[in-house]
Amino acid sequence: SAELIHRLISPVRVPASEDEVAINIRLLGFAHRFEAGHRVRLSLASTDQTSYNAKLADVITIVTGGDDPAYFDLPVNR
């Protein structure tokens, strides 16, 4: 199962474009201690029930690899 930590979301407005455009998204930080063995999931959505933007979902395309690969980085305290 998955749990949204403290019901945190980070809405980001991405400018509309007809071309494929690379963007960087910096998420807000928060403090949470994950138990050993837990996994972290990054979910992306074009809209949700709490947003006042588009009521219909759109297409999101994620491209990884290449010269400028996409990545998701978390700091780790040991």
PDB file of N, CA and C in Angstrom:
ATOM      1  N   SER A   1       0.843  -1.188   0.000  1.00  0.00           N
ATOM      2  CA  SER A   1       0.000   0.000   0.000  1.00  0.00           C
ATOM      3  C   SER A   1       0.881   1.241   0.000  1.00  0.00           C
ATOM      4  N   ALA A   2       0.312   2.358  -0.364  1.00  0.00           N
ATOM      5  CA  ALA A   2       1.032   3.630  -0.398  1.00  0.00           C
ATOM      6  C   ALA A   2       0.326   4.619   0.518  1.00  0.00           C
ATOM      7  N   GLU A   3       1.106   5.487   1.156  1.00  0.00           N
ATOM      8  CA  GLU A   3       0.555   6.495   2.055  1.00  0.00           C
ATOM      9  C   GLU A   3       1.155   7.849   1.706  1.00  0.00           C
ATOM     10  N   LEU A   4       0.305   8.840   1.563  1.00  0.00           N
ATOM     11  CA  LEU A   4       0.747  10.199   1.306  1.00  0.00           C
ATOM     12  C   LEU A   4       1.171  10.810   2.640  1.00  0.00           C
ATOM     13  N   ILE A   5       2.440  11.158   2.774  1.00  0.00           N
ATOM     14  CA  ILE A   5       2.982  11.665   4.032  1.00  0.00           C
ATOM     15  C   ILE A   5       2.374  13.028   4.349  1.00  0.00           C
ATOM     16  N   HIS A   6       1.695  13.141   5.474  1.00  0.00           N
ATOM     17  CA  HIS A   6       1.087  14.384   5.947  1.00  0.00           C
ATOM     18  C   HIS A   6       0.223  15.064   4.878  1.00  0.00           C
ATOM     19  N   ARG A   7      -0.323  14.275   3.957  1.00  0.00           N
ATOM     20  CA  ARG A   7      -1.169  14.792   2.872  1.00  0.00           C
ATOM     21  C   ARG A   7      -0.467  15.881   2.067  1.00  0.00           C
ATOM     22  N   LEU A   8       0.855  15.770   1.943  1.00  0.00           N
ATOM     23  CA  LEU A   8       1.643  16.775   1.228  1.00  0.00           C
ATOM     24  C   LEU A   8       1.583  16.557  -0.277  1.00  0.00           C
ATOM     25  N   ILE A   9       1.287  17.633  -0.985  1.00  0.00           N
ATOM     26  CA  ILE A   9       1.406  17.642  -2.436  1.00  0.00           C
ATOM     27  C   ILE A   9       2.193  18.892  -2.799  1.00  0.00           C
ATOM     28  N   SER A  10       2.736  18.925  -3.976  1.00  0.00           N
ATOM     29  CA  SER A  10       3.496  20.088  -4.423  1.00  0.00           C
ATOM     30  C   SER A  10       3.031  20.458  -5.819  1.00  0.00           C
ATOM     31  N   PRO A  11       1.997  21.309  -5.914  1.00  0.00           N
ATOM     32  CA  PRO A  11       1.500  21.678  -7.234  1.00  0.00           C
ATOM     33  C   PRO A  11       2.526  22.509  -8.007  1.00  0.00           C
ATOM     34  N   VAL A  12       2.652  22.215  -9.278  1.00  0.00           N
ATOM     35  CA  VAL A  12       3.591  22.917 -10.148  1.00  0.00           C
ATOM     36  C   VAL A  12       2.850  23.272 -11.433  1.00  0.00           C
ATOM     37  N   ARG A  13       2.915  24.518 -11.829  1.00  0.00           N
ATOM     38  CA  ARG A  13       2.301  24.924 -13.091  1.00  0.00           C
ATOM     39  C   ARG A  13       3.370  24.846 -14.176  1.00  0.00           C
ATOM     40  N   VAL A  14       3.093  24.080 -15.207  1.00  0.00           N
ATOM     41  CA  VAL A  14       4.017  23.910 -16.323  1.00  0.00           C
ATOM     42  C   VAL A  14       3.423  24.623 -17.526  1.00  0.00           C
ATOM     43  N   PRO A  15       4.188  25.538 -18.145  1.00  0.00           N
ATOM     44  CA  PRO A  15       3.651  26.269 -19.297  1.00  0.00           C
ATOM     45  C   PRO A  15       3.295  25.327 -20.444  1.00  0.00           C
ATOM     46  N   ALA A  16       2.188  25.611 -21.095  1.00  0.00           N
ATOM     47  CA  ALA A  16       1.766  24.802 -22.242  1.00  0.00           C
ATOM     48  C   ALA A  16       2.736  25.004 -23.394  1.00  0.00           C
ATOM     49  N   SER A  17       3.008  23.918 -24.112  1.00  0.00           N
ATOM     50  CA  SER A  17       3.920  23.981 -25.250  1.00  0.00           C
ATOM     51  C   SER A  17       3.564  22.879 -26.228  1.00  0.00           C
ATOM     52  N   GLU A  18       3.644  23.178 -27.498  1.00  0.00           N
ATOM     53  CA  GLU A  18       3.424  22.167 -28.530  1.00  0.00           C
ATOM     54  C   GLU A  18       4.679  21.320 -28.725  1.00  0.00           C
ATOM     55  N   ASP A  19       5.836  21.849 -28.335  1.00  0.00           N
ATOM     56  CA  ASP A  19       7.115  21.151 -28.507  1.00  0.00           C
ATOM     57  C   ASP A  19       7.490  20.411 -27.230  1.00  0.00           C
ATOM     58  N   GLU A  20       8.326  19.391 -27.367  1.00  0.00           N
ATOM     59  CA  GLU A  20       8.879  18.737 -26.182  1.00  0.00           C
ATOM     60  C   GLU A  20       9.884  19.682 -25.552  1.00  0.00           C
ATOM     61  N   VAL A  21       9.657  20.023 -24.311  1.00  0.00           N
ATOM     62  CA  VAL A  21      10.514  20.967 -23.616  1.00  0.00           C
ATOM     63  C   VAL A  21      10.941  20.339 -22.297  1.00  0.00           C
ATOM     64  N   ALA A  22      12.233  20.347 -22.019  1.00  0.00           N
ATOM     65  CA  ALA A  22      12.729  19.826 -20.745  1.00  0.00           C
ATOM     66  C   ALA A  22      12.450  20.841 -19.649  1.00  0.00           C
ATOM     67  N   ILE A  23      11.974  20.374 -18.521  1.00  0.00           N
ATOM     68  CA  ILE A  23      11.746  21.260 -17.380  1.00  0.00           C
ATOM     69  C   ILE A  23      12.377  20.641 -16.134  1.00  0.00           C
ATOM     70  N   ASN A  24      12.726  21.479 -15.190  1.00  0.00           N
ATOM     71  CA  ASN A  24      13.194  21.028 -13.879  1.00  0.00           C
ATOM     72  C   ASN A  24      12.113  21.355 -12.869  1.00  0.00           C
ATOM     73  N   ILE A  25      11.790  20.394 -12.027  1.00  0.00           N
ATOM     74  CA  ILE A  25      10.809  20.602 -10.977  1.00  0.00           C
ATOM     75  C   ILE A  25      11.516  20.422  -9.645  1.00  0.00           C
ATOM     76  N   ARG A  26      11.530  21.468  -8.843  1.00  0.00           N
ATOM     77  CA  ARG A  26      12.101  21.388  -7.496  1.00  0.00           C
ATOM     78  C   ARG A  26      10.947  21.284  -6.509  1.00  0.00           C
ATOM     79  N   LEU A  27      10.916  20.174  -5.797  1.00  0.00           N
ATOM     80  CA  LEU A  27       9.843  19.944  -4.839  1.00  0.00           C
ATOM     81  C   LEU A  27      10.181  20.578  -3.502  1.00  0.00           C
ATOM     82  N   LEU A  28       9.151  20.974  -2.769  1.00  0.00           N
ATOM     83  CA  LEU A  28       9.359  21.514  -1.434  1.00  0.00           C
ATOM     84  C   LEU A  28       9.893  20.425  -0.510  1.00  0.00           C
ATOM     85  N   GLY A  29      10.767  20.806   0.381  1.00  0.00           N
ATOM     86  CA  GLY A  29      11.321  19.839   1.316  1.00  0.00           C
ATOM     87  C   GLY A  29      10.392  19.601   2.495  1.00  0.00           C
ATOM     88  N   PHE A  30      10.518  18.457   3.099  1.00  0.00           N
ATOM     89  CA  PHE A  30       9.792  18.152   4.333  1.00  0.00           C
ATOM     90  C   PHE A  30      10.610  17.138   5.107  1.00  0.00           C
ATOM     91  N   ALA A  31      10.390  17.083   6.398  1.00  0.00           N
ATOM     92  CA  ALA A  31      11.134  16.154   7.249  1.00  0.00           C
ATOM     93  C   ALA A  31      10.242  14.964   7.589  1.00  0.00           C
ATOM     94  N   HIS A  32      10.748  13.793   7.322  1.00  0.00           N
ATOM     95  CA  HIS A  32      10.035  12.560   7.665  1.00  0.00           C
ATOM     96  C   HIS A  32      11.054  11.438   7.771  1.00  0.00           C
ATOM     97  N   ARG A  33      10.936  10.646   8.797  1.00  0.00           N
ATOM     98  CA  ARG A  33      11.841   9.507   8.966  1.00  0.00           C
ATOM     99  C   ARG A  33      11.132   8.253   8.459  1.00  0.00           C
ATOM    100  N   PHE A  34      11.688   7.675   7.407  1.00  0.00           N
ATOM    101  CA  PHE A  34      11.137   6.445   6.847  1.00  0.00           C
ATOM    102  C   PHE A  34      11.749   5.256   7.562  1.00  0.00           C
ATOM    103  N   GLU A  35      10.940   4.284   7.862  1.00  0.00           N
ATOM    104  CA  GLU A  35      11.433   3.063   8.496  1.00  0.00           C
ATOM    105  C   GLU A  35      12.310   2.294   7.512  1.00  0.00           C
ATOM    106  N   ALA A  36      13.261   1.556   8.042  1.00  0.00           N
ATOM    107  CA  ALA A  36      14.136   0.724   7.205  1.00  0.00           C
ATOM    108  C   ALA A  36      13.282  -0.215   6.354  1.00  0.00           C
ATOM    109  N   GLY A  37      13.615  -0.312   5.085  1.00  0.00           N
ATOM    110  CA  GLY A  37      12.893  -1.203   4.181  1.00  0.00           C
ATOM    111  C   GLY A  37      11.728  -0.557   3.458  1.00  0.00           C
ATOM    112  N   HIS A  38      11.332   0.651   3.863  1.00  0.00           N
ATOM    113  CA  HIS A  38      10.246   1.333   3.165  1.00  0.00           C
ATOM    114  C   HIS A  38      10.747   1.856   1.822  1.00  0.00           C
ATOM    115  N   ARG A  39       9.829   2.049   0.904  1.00  0.00           N
ATOM    116  CA  ARG A  39      10.149   2.583  -0.415  1.00  0.00           C
ATOM    117  C   ARG A  39       9.502   3.952  -0.570  1.00  0.00           C
ATOM    118  N   VAL A  40      10.044   4.752  -1.466  1.00  0.00           N
ATOM    119  CA  VAL A  40       9.497   6.076  -1.759  1.00  0.00           C
ATOM    120  C   VAL A  40       9.006   6.074  -3.194  1.00  0.00           C
ATOM    121  N   ARG A  41       7.804   6.616  -3.399  1.00  0.00           N
ATOM    122  CA  ARG A  41       7.216   6.683  -4.730  1.00  0.00           C
ATOM    123  C   ARG A  41       6.965   8.144  -5.075  1.00  0.00           C
ATOM    124  N   LEU A  42       7.394   8.542  -6.238  1.00  0.00           N
ATOM    125  CA  LEU A  42       7.088   9.875  -6.758  1.00  0.00           C
ATOM    126  C   LEU A  42       5.950   9.720  -7.750  1.00  0.00           C
ATOM    127  N   SER A  43       4.828  10.358  -7.463  1.00  0.00           N
ATOM    128  CA  SER A  43       3.665  10.281  -8.351  1.00  0.00           C
ATOM    129  C   SER A  43       3.468  11.619  -9.044  1.00  0.00           C
ATOM    130  N   LEU A  44       3.267  11.572 -10.335  1.00  0.00           N
ATOM    131  CA  LEU A  44       3.006  12.769 -11.120  1.00  0.00           C
ATOM    132  C   LEU A  44       1.605  12.668 -11.698  1.00  0.00           C
ATOM    133  N   ALA A  45       0.874  13.769 -11.636  1.00  0.00           N
ATOM    134  CA  ALA A  45      -0.486  13.783 -12.176  1.00  0.00           C
ATOM    135  C   ALA A  45      -0.739  15.125 -12.838  1.00  0.00           C
ATOM    136  N   SER A  46      -1.539  15.130 -13.888  1.00  0.00           N
ATOM    137  CA  SER A  46      -1.827  16.385 -14.594  1.00  0.00           C
ATOM    138  C   SER A  46      -2.887  17.210 -13.862  1.00  0.00           C
ATOM    139  N   THR A  47      -3.651  16.599 -12.980  1.00  0.00           N
ATOM    140  CA  THR A  47      -4.636  17.308 -12.157  1.00  0.00           C
ATOM    141  C   THR A  47      -5.027  16.384 -11.016  1.00  0.00           C
ATOM    142  N   ASP A  48      -5.704  16.916 -10.033  1.00  0.00           N
ATOM    143  CA  ASP A  48      -6.232  16.080  -8.952  1.00  0.00           C
ATOM    144  C   ASP A  48      -7.480  16.739  -8.371  1.00  0.00           C
ATOM    145  N   GLN A  49      -8.089  16.095  -7.404  1.00  0.00           N
ATOM    146  CA  GLN A  49      -9.361  16.589  -6.866  1.00  0.00           C
ATOM    147  C   GLN A  49      -9.205  17.856  -6.039  1.00  0.00           C
ATOM    148  N   THR A  50      -7.989  18.178  -5.589  1.00  0.00           N
ATOM    149  CA  THR A  50      -7.798  19.370  -4.769  1.00  0.00           C
ATOM    150  C   THR A  50      -7.404  20.592  -5.584  1.00  0.00           C
ATOM    151  N   SER A  51      -7.114  20.412  -6.866  1.00  0.00           N
ATOM    152  CA  SER A  51      -6.673  21.519  -7.708  1.00  0.00           C
ATOM    153  C   SER A  51      -7.862  22.192  -8.378  1.00  0.00           C
ATOM    154  N   TYR A  52      -7.705  23.478  -8.633  1.00  0.00           N
ATOM    155  CA  TYR A  52      -8.756  24.227  -9.311  1.00  0.00           C
ATOM    156  C   TYR A  52      -8.405  24.445 -10.778  1.00  0.00           C
ATOM    157  N   ASN A  53      -7.494  23.616 -11.289  1.00  0.00           N
ATOM    158  CA  ASN A  53      -7.119  23.749 -12.695  1.00  0.00           C
ATOM    159  C   ASN A  53      -8.005  22.840 -13.540  1.00  0.00           C
ATOM    160  N   ALA A  54      -7.461  22.277 -14.568  1.00  0.00           N
ATOM    161  CA  ALA A  54      -8.238  21.436 -15.490  1.00  0.00           C
ATOM    162  C   ALA A  54      -8.951  20.311 -14.745  1.00  0.00           C
ATOM    163  N   LYS A  55     -10.183  20.097 -15.100  1.00  0.00           N
ATOM    164  CA  LYS A  55     -10.962  19.020 -14.482  1.00  0.00           C
ATOM    165  C   LYS A  55     -10.744  17.678 -15.179  1.00  0.00           C
ATOM    166  N   LEU A  56     -10.172  17.712 -16.388  1.00  0.00           N
ATOM    167  CA  LEU A  56      -9.895  16.485 -17.124  1.00  0.00           C
ATOM    168  C   LEU A  56      -8.392  16.226 -17.139  1.00  0.00           C
ATOM    169  N   ALA A  57      -8.023  14.987 -16.983  1.00  0.00           N
ATOM    170  CA  ALA A  57      -6.601  14.618 -16.989  1.00  0.00           C
ATOM    171  C   ALA A  57      -5.991  14.855 -18.363  1.00  0.00           C
ATOM    172  N   ASP A  58      -4.703  15.169 -18.383  1.00  0.00           N
ATOM    173  CA  ASP A  58      -3.958  15.387 -19.613  1.00  0.00           C
ATOM    174  C   ASP A  58      -2.877  14.317 -19.689  1.00  0.00           C
ATOM    175  N   VAL A  59      -2.053  14.369 -20.715  1.00  0.00           N
ATOM    176  CA  VAL A  59      -0.984  13.393 -20.905  1.00  0.00           C
ATOM    177  C   VAL A  59       0.312  13.948 -20.324  1.00  0.00           C
ATOM    178  N   ILE A  60       1.014  13.119 -19.577  1.00  0.00           N
ATOM    179  CA  ILE A  60       2.338  13.473 -19.055  1.00  0.00           C
ATOM    180  C   ILE A  60       3.326  12.491 -19.662  1.00  0.00           C
ATOM    181  N   THR A  61       4.392  13.012 -20.245  1.00  0.00           N
ATOM    182  CA  THR A  61       5.426  12.156 -20.817  1.00  0.00           C
ATOM    183  C   THR A  61       6.722  12.374 -20.063  1.00  0.00           C
ATOM    184  N   ILE A  62       7.314  11.308 -19.572  1.00  0.00           N
ATOM    185  CA  ILE A  62       8.579  11.371 -18.850  1.00  0.00           C
ATOM    186  C   ILE A  62       9.626  10.650 -19.694  1.00  0.00           C
ATOM    187  N   VAL A  63      10.717  11.343 -19.990  1.00  0.00           N
ATOM    188  CA  VAL A  63      11.807  10.752 -20.759  1.00  0.00           C
ATOM    189  C   VAL A  63      13.030  10.682 -19.855  1.00  0.00           C
ATOM    190  N   THR A  64      13.624   9.520 -19.766  1.00  0.00           N
ATOM    191  CA  THR A  64      14.830   9.366 -18.955  1.00  0.00           C
ATOM    192  C   THR A  64      15.972   8.917 -19.842  1.00  0.00           C
ATOM    193  N   GLY A  65      17.188   9.098 -19.331  1.00  0.00           N
ATOM    194  CA  GLY A  65      18.367   8.700 -20.088  1.00  0.00           C
ATOM    195  C   GLY A  65      18.842   9.826 -20.979  1.00  0.00           C
ATOM    196  N   GLY A  66      19.708   9.505 -21.918  1.00  0.00           N
ATOM    197  CA  GLY A  66      20.235  10.518 -22.824  1.00  0.00           C
ATOM    198  C   GLY A  66      21.312  11.366 -22.168  1.00  0.00           C
ATOM    199  N   ASP A  67      21.572  12.538 -22.737  1.00  0.00           N
ATOM    200  CA  ASP A  67      22.616  13.419 -22.226  1.00  0.00           C
ATOM    201  C   ASP A  67      22.228  14.084 -20.911  1.00  0.00           C
ATOM    202  N   ASP A  68      20.940  14.289 -20.677  1.00  0.00           N
ATOM    203  CA  ASP A  68      20.469  14.959 -19.470  1.00  0.00           C
ATOM    204  C   ASP A  68      19.377  14.096 -18.827  1.00  0.00           C
ATOM    205  N   PRO A  69      19.757  13.003 -18.159  1.00  0.00           N
ATOM    206  CA  PRO A  69      18.756  12.066 -17.653  1.00  0.00           C
ATOM    207  C   PRO A  69      17.918  12.650 -16.518  1.00  0.00           C
ATOM    208  N   ALA A  70      16.689  12.180 -16.405  1.00  0.00           N
ATOM    209  CA  ALA A  70      15.833  12.551 -15.286  1.00  0.00           C
ATOM    210  C   ALA A  70      16.279  11.775 -14.055  1.00  0.00           C
ATOM    211  N   TYR A  71      16.166  12.400 -12.895  1.00  0.00           N
ATOM    212  CA  TYR A  71      16.517  11.699 -11.665  1.00  0.00           C
ATOM    213  C   TYR A  71      15.684  12.225 -10.507  1.00  0.00           C
ATOM    214  N   PHE A  72      15.602  11.430  -9.473  1.00  0.00           N
ATOM    215  CA  PHE A  72      14.891  11.756  -8.248  1.00  0.00           C
ATOM    216  C   PHE A  72      15.865  11.458  -7.137  1.00  0.00           C
ATOM    217  N   ASP A  73      16.224  12.454  -6.350  1.00  0.00           N
ATOM    218  CA  ASP A  73      17.301  12.324  -5.370  1.00  0.00           C
ATOM    219  C   ASP A  73      16.770  12.629  -3.981  1.00  0.00           C
ATOM    220  N   LEU A  74      17.085  11.763  -3.021  1.00  0.00           N
ATOM    221  CA  LEU A  74      16.718  11.982  -1.632  1.00  0.00           C
ATOM    222  C   LEU A  74      17.970  11.959  -0.757  1.00  0.00           C
ATOM    223  N   PRO A  75      18.075  12.899   0.185  1.00  0.00           N
ATOM    224  CA  PRO A  75      19.219  12.842   1.115  1.00  0.00           C
ATOM    225  C   PRO A  75      19.025  11.696   2.096  1.00  0.00           C
ATOM    226  N   VAL A  76      20.126  11.105   2.544  1.00  0.00           N
ATOM    227  CA  VAL A  76      20.065   9.970   3.451  1.00  0.00           C
ATOM    228  C   VAL A  76      20.955  10.244   4.650  1.00  0.00           C
ATOM    229  N   ASN A  77      20.372  10.119   5.858  1.00  0.00           N
ATOM    230  CA  ASN A  77      21.155  10.159   7.099  1.00  0.00           C
ATOM    231  C   ASN A  77      21.320   8.734   7.585  1.00  0.00           C
ATOM    232  N   ARG A  78      22.526   8.350   7.864  1.00  0.00           N
ATOM    233  CA  ARG A  78      22.749   6.973   8.350  1.00  0.00           C
ATOM    234  C   ARG A  78      23.203   7.000   9.780  1.00  0.00           C
TER     235      ARG A  78
END
